[in-house]
Amino acid sequence: MPYRTKTRSGKPKEPPTGNAVYEMAVKALARRTRSTAEVRTFLVQRGASEADIGDAIVRLRDHGYLDDERFARLFVHSRIENEGHGAGRVRRDLAKKRVGREIAEQAVASGYEQLNEKDLLRDYLRRKLRLAKPPSKASALATLYQRLLRAGFSSATIVKELQGLNSAKRHGSDGPSIDPDKWREWIESLADSTDEDAETE
């Protein structure tokens, strides 16, 4: 349903037309970067016609204000630097932004090309979760596993990292925090969960 503001008299404000649609889009992009699909939705909600929206989008692209490839690259870089997310999470979030699949895949591939997922995962555990010791319950381990899936890491990398999380060397003690056989059993129980089970946070 189109978004309709009101004038001081209380009457519905007329929807934007012509150049006003373009100017409205420019102001929206000045507040934050958006994909082409997001700009289109923004203008539709404000009652602009399809013709005026189409003209505005062409002008925005011509003036360099709207560029989905640039948007995707910046989005990937931001998620890596600020959130430490894995490729899977960033790919899902770009889909929510309705960035074209090919553009999204190219941006993700380029952004993660020089990164090692294992190192990225360890950094996420340290910086974001501040994990100082392994979970003491199977349910807590399962919750951690699901959270890492939602953060975009592959199940294979997560399982390998969690397998060594209970080692004495990792924690600088005389022995592992949890009985090794019990820990192995907990890890094996995670096999029922897959990357596709995870939903974004």
C-alpha atoms as a PDB file:
ATOM      1  CA  MET A   1       0.000   0.000   0.000  1.00  0.00           C
ATOM      2  CA  PRO A   2       1.505   3.399  -0.985  1.00  0.00           C
ATOM      3  CA  TYR A   3       2.812   5.570   1.806  1.00  0.00           C
ATOM      4  CA  ARG A   4       0.802   8.833   2.002  1.00  0.00           C
ATOM      5  CA  THR A   5       1.869  11.786   4.130  1.00  0.00           C
ATOM      6  CA  LYS A   6      -0.498  14.569   5.122  1.00  0.00           C
ATOM      7  CA  THR A   7      -0.370  18.327   4.763  1.00  0.00           C
ATOM      8  CA  ARG A   8      -0.865  20.677   7.734  1.00  0.00           C
ATOM      9  CA  SER A   9      -4.561  20.821   6.875  1.00  0.00           C
ATOM     10  CA  GLY A  10      -4.777  17.057   7.326  1.00  0.00           C
ATOM     11  CA  LYS A  11      -5.414  16.295   3.673  1.00  0.00           C
ATOM     12  CA  PRO A  12      -3.419  13.485   2.041  1.00  0.00           C
ATOM     13  CA  LYS A  13      -0.305  14.767   0.316  1.00  0.00           C
ATOM     14  CA  GLU A  14      -0.166  14.145  -3.413  1.00  0.00           C
ATOM     15  CA  PRO A  15       2.317  11.443  -4.472  1.00  0.00           C
ATOM     16  CA  PRO A  16       5.582  12.671  -6.017  1.00  0.00           C
ATOM     17  CA  THR A  17       5.860  12.944  -9.779  1.00  0.00           C
ATOM     18  CA  GLY A  18       8.540  13.721 -12.340  1.00  0.00           C
ATOM     19  CA  ASN A  19      11.713  15.290 -10.963  1.00  0.00           C
ATOM     20  CA  ALA A  20      10.382  15.090  -7.387  1.00  0.00           C
ATOM     21  CA  VAL A  21      10.649  11.288  -7.569  1.00  0.00           C
ATOM     22  CA  TYR A  22      14.300  11.540  -8.569  1.00  0.00           C
ATOM     23  CA  GLU A  23      15.066  14.068  -5.818  1.00  0.00           C
ATOM     24  CA  MET A  24      13.330  11.863  -3.250  1.00  0.00           C
ATOM     25  CA  ALA A  25      15.484   8.904  -4.301  1.00  0.00           C
ATOM     26  CA  VAL A  26      18.683  10.986  -4.115  1.00  0.00           C
ATOM     27  CA  LYS A  27      17.864  12.027  -0.545  1.00  0.00           C
ATOM     28  CA  ALA A  28      17.123   8.425   0.399  1.00  0.00           C
ATOM     29  CA  LEU A  29      20.475   7.299  -1.008  1.00  0.00           C
ATOM     30  CA  ALA A  30      22.231  10.105   0.866  1.00  0.00           C
ATOM     31  CA  ARG A  31      20.925   8.647   4.121  1.00  0.00           C
ATOM     32  CA  ARG A  32      22.195   5.151   3.341  1.00  0.00           C
ATOM     33  CA  THR A  33      23.247   3.066   0.359  1.00  0.00           C
ATOM     34  CA  ARG A  34      20.547   0.922  -1.204  1.00  0.00           C
ATOM     35  CA  SER A  35      20.203  -1.616  -3.978  1.00  0.00           C
ATOM     36  CA  THR A  36      18.175  -0.819  -7.073  1.00  0.00           C
ATOM     37  CA  ALA A  37      15.358  -3.042  -5.822  1.00  0.00           C
ATOM     38  CA  GLU A  38      15.321  -1.247  -2.464  1.00  0.00           C
ATOM     39  CA  VAL A  39      15.102   2.153  -4.158  1.00  0.00           C
ATOM     40  CA  ARG A  40      12.264   0.903  -6.331  1.00  0.00           C
ATOM     41  CA  THR A  41      10.360  -0.387  -3.281  1.00  0.00           C
ATOM     42  CA  PHE A  42      10.985   2.882  -1.428  1.00  0.00           C
ATOM     43  CA  LEU A  43       9.477   4.912  -4.288  1.00  0.00           C
ATOM     44  CA  VAL A  44       6.547   2.544  -4.802  1.00  0.00           C
ATOM     45  CA  GLN A  45       5.652   2.913  -1.110  1.00  0.00           C
ATOM     46  CA  ARG A  46       5.551   6.668  -1.568  1.00  0.00           C
ATOM     47  CA  GLY A  47       3.091   6.431  -4.418  1.00  0.00           C
ATOM     48  CA  ALA A  48       5.338   7.191  -7.386  1.00  0.00           C
ATOM     49  CA  SER A  49       4.256   5.791 -10.730  1.00  0.00           C
ATOM     50  CA  GLU A  50       6.167   3.013 -12.480  1.00  0.00           C
ATOM     51  CA  ALA A  51       7.073   5.374 -15.309  1.00  0.00           C
ATOM     52  CA  ASP A  52       8.527   8.012 -12.966  1.00  0.00           C
ATOM     53  CA  ILE A  53      10.347   5.332 -10.972  1.00  0.00           C
ATOM     54  CA  GLY A  54      11.874   3.915 -14.127  1.00  0.00           C
ATOM     55  CA  ASP A  55      13.028   7.364 -15.254  1.00  0.00           C
ATOM     56  CA  ALA A  56      14.471   8.123 -11.817  1.00  0.00           C
ATOM     57  CA  ILE A  57      16.417   4.865 -11.700  1.00  0.00           C
ATOM     58  CA  VAL A  58      17.928   5.530 -15.133  1.00  0.00           C
ATOM     59  CA  ARG A  59      19.031   8.995 -14.002  1.00  0.00           C
ATOM     60  CA  LEU A  60      20.428   7.657 -10.733  1.00  0.00           C
ATOM     61  CA  ARG A  61      22.516   5.121 -12.623  1.00  0.00           C
ATOM     62  CA  ASP A  62      23.690   7.701 -15.159  1.00  0.00           C
ATOM     63  CA  HIS A  63      24.828  10.002 -12.352  1.00  0.00           C
ATOM     64  CA  GLY A  64      26.558   7.196 -10.471  1.00  0.00           C
ATOM     65  CA  TYR A  65      24.241   7.284  -7.465  1.00  0.00           C
ATOM     66  CA  LEU A  66      22.924   3.783  -8.038  1.00  0.00           C
ATOM     67  CA  ASP A  67      25.237   0.863  -8.792  1.00  0.00           C
ATOM     68  CA  ASP A  68      24.365  -2.636  -7.588  1.00  0.00           C
ATOM     69  CA  GLU A  69      27.858  -3.989  -8.260  1.00  0.00           C
ATOM     70  CA  ARG A  70      29.428  -1.280  -6.114  1.00  0.00           C
ATOM     71  CA  PHE A  71      26.703  -1.720  -3.487  1.00  0.00           C
ATOM     72  CA  ALA A  72      27.379  -5.470  -3.293  1.00  0.00           C
ATOM     73  CA  ARG A  73      31.152  -5.012  -3.006  1.00  0.00           C
ATOM     74  CA  LEU A  74      30.795  -2.466  -0.193  1.00  0.00           C
ATOM     75  CA  PHE A  75      28.207  -4.625   1.551  1.00  0.00           C
ATOM     76  CA  VAL A  76      30.506  -7.671   1.509  1.00  0.00           C
ATOM     77  CA  HIS A  77      33.486  -5.648   2.746  1.00  0.00           C
ATOM     78  CA  SER A  78      31.427  -4.152   5.586  1.00  0.00           C
ATOM     79  CA  ARG A  79      30.108  -7.519   6.743  1.00  0.00           C
ATOM     80  CA  ILE A  80      33.604  -8.999   6.791  1.00  0.00           C
ATOM     81  CA  GLU A  81      35.254  -6.061   8.554  1.00  0.00           C
ATOM     82  CA  ASN A  82      32.497  -5.140  11.009  1.00  0.00           C
ATOM     83  CA  GLU A  83      30.628  -8.380  11.630  1.00  0.00           C
ATOM     84  CA  GLY A  84      33.115 -11.095  10.695  1.00  0.00           C
ATOM     85  CA  HIS A  85      30.357 -13.045   8.949  1.00  0.00           C
ATOM     86  CA  GLY A  86      31.000 -16.039   6.749  1.00  0.00           C
ATOM     87  CA  ALA A  87      30.215 -16.089   3.040  1.00  0.00           C
ATOM     88  CA  GLY A  88      26.929 -17.943   3.473  1.00  0.00           C
ATOM     89  CA  ARG A  89      25.416 -15.253   5.708  1.00  0.00           C
ATOM     90  CA  VAL A  90      26.505 -12.433   3.409  1.00  0.00           C
ATOM     91  CA  ARG A  91      25.110 -14.263   0.394  1.00  0.00           C
ATOM     92  CA  ARG A  92      21.738 -14.663   2.130  1.00  0.00           C
ATOM     93  CA  ASP A  93      21.675 -11.017   3.193  1.00  0.00           C
ATOM     94  CA  LEU A  94      22.404  -9.808  -0.335  1.00  0.00           C
ATOM     95  CA  ALA A  95      19.488 -11.935  -1.525  1.00  0.00           C
ATOM     96  CA  LYS A  96      17.287 -10.156   1.036  1.00  0.00           C
ATOM     97  CA  LYS A  97      18.480  -6.870  -0.441  1.00  0.00           C
ATOM     98  CA  ARG A  98      17.331  -8.316  -3.764  1.00  0.00           C
ATOM     99  CA  VAL A  99      20.688  -7.859  -5.417  1.00  0.00           C
ATOM    100  CA  GLY A 100      20.921  -9.940  -8.599  1.00  0.00           C
ATOM    101  CA  ARG A 101      22.295 -13.415  -7.974  1.00  0.00           C
ATOM    102  CA  GLU A 102      25.179 -13.089 -10.424  1.00  0.00           C
ATOM    103  CA  ILE A 103      26.241  -9.718  -9.009  1.00  0.00           C
ATOM    104  CA  ALA A 104      25.995 -11.067  -5.455  1.00  0.00           C
ATOM    105  CA  GLU A 105      28.020 -14.177  -6.258  1.00  0.00           C
ATOM    106  CA  GLN A 106      30.776 -12.134  -7.901  1.00  0.00           C
ATOM    107  CA  ALA A 107      30.980  -9.779  -4.916  1.00  0.00           C
ATOM    108  CA  VAL A 108      31.081 -12.635  -2.393  1.00  0.00           C
ATOM    109  CA  ALA A 109      33.664 -14.583  -4.398  1.00  0.00           C
ATOM    110  CA  SER A 110      35.892 -11.526  -4.700  1.00  0.00           C
ATOM    111  CA  GLY A 111      35.483 -10.491  -1.058  1.00  0.00           C
ATOM    112  CA  TYR A 112      36.312 -13.906   0.375  1.00  0.00           C
ATOM    113  CA  GLU A 113      38.902 -14.958  -2.205  1.00  0.00           C
ATOM    114  CA  GLN A 114      41.922 -14.177  -0.021  1.00  0.00           C
ATOM    115  CA  LEU A 115      40.311 -15.218   3.275  1.00  0.00           C
ATOM    116  CA  ASN A 116      40.664 -18.520   5.076  1.00  0.00           C
ATOM    117  CA  GLU A 117      37.282 -19.587   6.482  1.00  0.00           C
ATOM    118  CA  LYS A 118      38.914 -21.349   9.451  1.00  0.00           C
ATOM    119  CA  ASP A 119      40.775 -18.178  10.453  1.00  0.00           C
ATOM    120  CA  LEU A 120      37.636 -16.107   9.971  1.00  0.00           C
ATOM    121  CA  LEU A 121      35.668 -18.515  12.152  1.00  0.00           C
ATOM    122  CA  ARG A 122      38.263 -18.440  14.927  1.00  0.00           C
ATOM    123  CA  ASP A 123      38.257 -14.643  14.836  1.00  0.00           C
ATOM    124  CA  TYR A 124      34.448 -14.655  15.062  1.00  0.00           C
ATOM    125  CA  LEU A 125      34.581 -16.949  18.106  1.00  0.00           C
ATOM    126  CA  ARG A 126      37.131 -14.694  19.755  1.00  0.00           C
ATOM    127  CA  ARG A 127      35.772 -11.241  18.880  1.00  0.00           C
ATOM    128  CA  LYS A 128      32.018 -11.721  18.578  1.00  0.00           C
ATOM    129  CA  LEU A 129      31.296 -14.592  20.955  1.00  0.00           C
ATOM    130  CA  ARG A 130      34.284 -14.111  23.277  1.00  0.00           C
ATOM    131  CA  LEU A 131      34.384 -17.858  23.784  1.00  0.00           C
ATOM    132  CA  ALA A 132      36.958 -18.594  26.506  1.00  0.00           C
ATOM    133  CA  LYS A 133      36.139 -22.277  27.066  1.00  0.00           C
ATOM    134  CA  PRO A 134      34.077 -25.027  25.421  1.00  0.00           C
ATOM    135  CA  PRO A 135      30.356 -25.341  26.225  1.00  0.00           C
ATOM    136  CA  SER A 136      29.689 -27.560  29.248  1.00  0.00           C
ATOM    137  CA  LYS A 137      26.445 -29.077  27.899  1.00  0.00           C
ATOM    138  CA  ALA A 138      25.461 -30.795  24.655  1.00  0.00           C
ATOM    139  CA  SER A 139      22.567 -28.363  24.234  1.00  0.00           C
ATOM    140  CA  ALA A 140      24.917 -25.392  24.579  1.00  0.00           C
ATOM    141  CA  LEU A 141      27.241 -26.878  21.963  1.00  0.00           C
ATOM    142  CA  ALA A 142      24.290 -27.375  19.597  1.00  0.00           C
ATOM    143  CA  THR A 143      23.232 -23.750  20.155  1.00  0.00           C
ATOM    144  CA  LEU A 144      26.759 -22.563  19.392  1.00  0.00           C
ATOM    145  CA  TYR A 145      26.826 -24.686  16.240  1.00  0.00           C
ATOM    146  CA  GLN A 146      23.521 -23.235  15.005  1.00  0.00           C
ATOM    147  CA  ARG A 147      24.692 -19.699  15.734  1.00  0.00           C
ATOM    148  CA  LEU A 148      27.835 -20.251  13.675  1.00  0.00           C
ATOM    149  CA  LEU A 149      25.735 -21.617  10.824  1.00  0.00           C
ATOM    150  CA  ARG A 150      23.580 -18.486  10.977  1.00  0.00           C
ATOM    151  CA  ALA A 151      26.754 -16.405  10.885  1.00  0.00           C
ATOM    152  CA  GLY A 152      27.460 -17.937   7.480  1.00  0.00           C
ATOM    153  CA  PHE A 153      30.167 -20.525   8.121  1.00  0.00           C
ATOM    154  CA  SER A 154      30.042 -23.954   6.492  1.00  0.00           C
ATOM    155  CA  SER A 155      29.114 -26.947   8.654  1.00  0.00           C
ATOM    156  CA  ALA A 156      32.358 -28.761   7.736  1.00  0.00           C
ATOM    157  CA  THR A 157      34.542 -25.886   8.944  1.00  0.00           C
ATOM    158  CA  ILE A 158      32.491 -25.454  12.119  1.00  0.00           C
ATOM    159  CA  VAL A 159      32.671 -29.130  13.044  1.00  0.00           C
ATOM    160  CA  LYS A 160      36.438 -29.259  12.491  1.00  0.00           C
ATOM    161  CA  GLU A 161      36.940 -26.210  14.690  1.00  0.00           C
ATOM    162  CA  LEU A 162      34.645 -27.499  17.423  1.00  0.00           C
ATOM    163  CA  GLN A 163      36.416 -30.865  17.431  1.00  0.00           C
ATOM    164  CA  GLY A 164      39.584 -29.157  18.625  1.00  0.00           C
ATOM    165  CA  LEU A 165      37.867 -26.682  20.921  1.00  0.00           C
ATOM    166  CA  ASN A 166      38.050 -29.103  23.856  1.00  0.00           C
ATOM    167  CA  SER A 167      41.790 -29.792  23.585  1.00  0.00           C
ATOM    168  CA  ALA A 168      44.184 -29.255  26.491  1.00  0.00           C
ATOM    169  CA  LYS A 169      46.591 -27.369  24.221  1.00  0.00           C
ATOM    170  CA  ARG A 170      43.909 -24.840  23.302  1.00  0.00           C
ATOM    171  CA  HIS A 171      43.129 -24.048  26.950  1.00  0.00           C
ATOM    172  CA  GLY A 172      46.583 -24.462  28.470  1.00  0.00           C
ATOM    173  CA  SER A 173      45.506 -26.994  31.082  1.00  0.00           C
ATOM    174  CA  ASP A 174      46.590 -30.500  32.050  1.00  0.00           C
ATOM    175  CA  GLY A 175      43.613 -32.044  30.290  1.00  0.00           C
ATOM    176  CA  PRO A 176      40.573 -31.195  28.164  1.00  0.00           C
ATOM    177  CA  SER A 177      37.658 -29.374  29.800  1.00  0.00           C
ATOM    178  CA  ILE A 178      35.119 -32.074  28.858  1.00  0.00           C
ATOM    179  CA  ASP A 179      35.622 -35.834  28.749  1.00  0.00           C
ATOM    180  CA  PRO A 180      36.952 -36.514  25.193  1.00  0.00           C
ATOM    181  CA  ASP A 181      34.528 -39.378  24.524  1.00  0.00           C
ATOM    182  CA  LYS A 182      31.575 -37.294  25.635  1.00  0.00           C
ATOM    183  CA  TRP A 183      32.788 -34.361  23.544  1.00  0.00           C
ATOM    184  CA  ARG A 184      33.154 -36.611  20.488  1.00  0.00           C
ATOM    185  CA  GLU A 185      29.607 -37.864  20.991  1.00  0.00           C
ATOM    186  CA  TRP A 186      28.308 -34.309  21.188  1.00  0.00           C
ATOM    187  CA  ILE A 187      30.141 -33.354  18.008  1.00  0.00           C
ATOM    188  CA  GLU A 188      28.771 -36.367  16.126  1.00  0.00           C
ATOM    189  CA  SER A 189      25.232 -35.418  17.160  1.00  0.00           C
ATOM    190  CA  LEU A 190      25.616 -32.160  15.231  1.00  0.00           C
ATOM    191  CA  ALA A 191      25.597 -34.081  11.952  1.00  0.00           C
ATOM    192  CA  ASP A 192      21.800 -33.839  11.782  1.00  0.00           C
ATOM    193  CA  SER A 193      22.074 -30.086  11.238  1.00  0.00           C
ATOM    194  CA  THR A 194      23.049 -28.665   7.842  1.00  0.00           C
ATOM    195  CA  ASP A 195      23.867 -25.259   6.354  1.00  0.00           C
ATOM    196  CA  GLU A 196      20.361 -25.086   4.893  1.00  0.00           C
ATOM    197  CA  ASP A 197      18.817 -25.407   8.374  1.00  0.00           C
ATOM    198  CA  ALA A 198      20.255 -22.076   9.429  1.00  0.00           C
ATOM    199  CA  GLU A 199      18.270 -18.882   9.214  1.00  0.00           C
ATOM    200  CA  THR A 200      19.781 -15.454   9.508  1.00  0.00           C
ATOM    201  CA  GLU A 201      19.801 -13.800  12.889  1.00  0.00           C
END
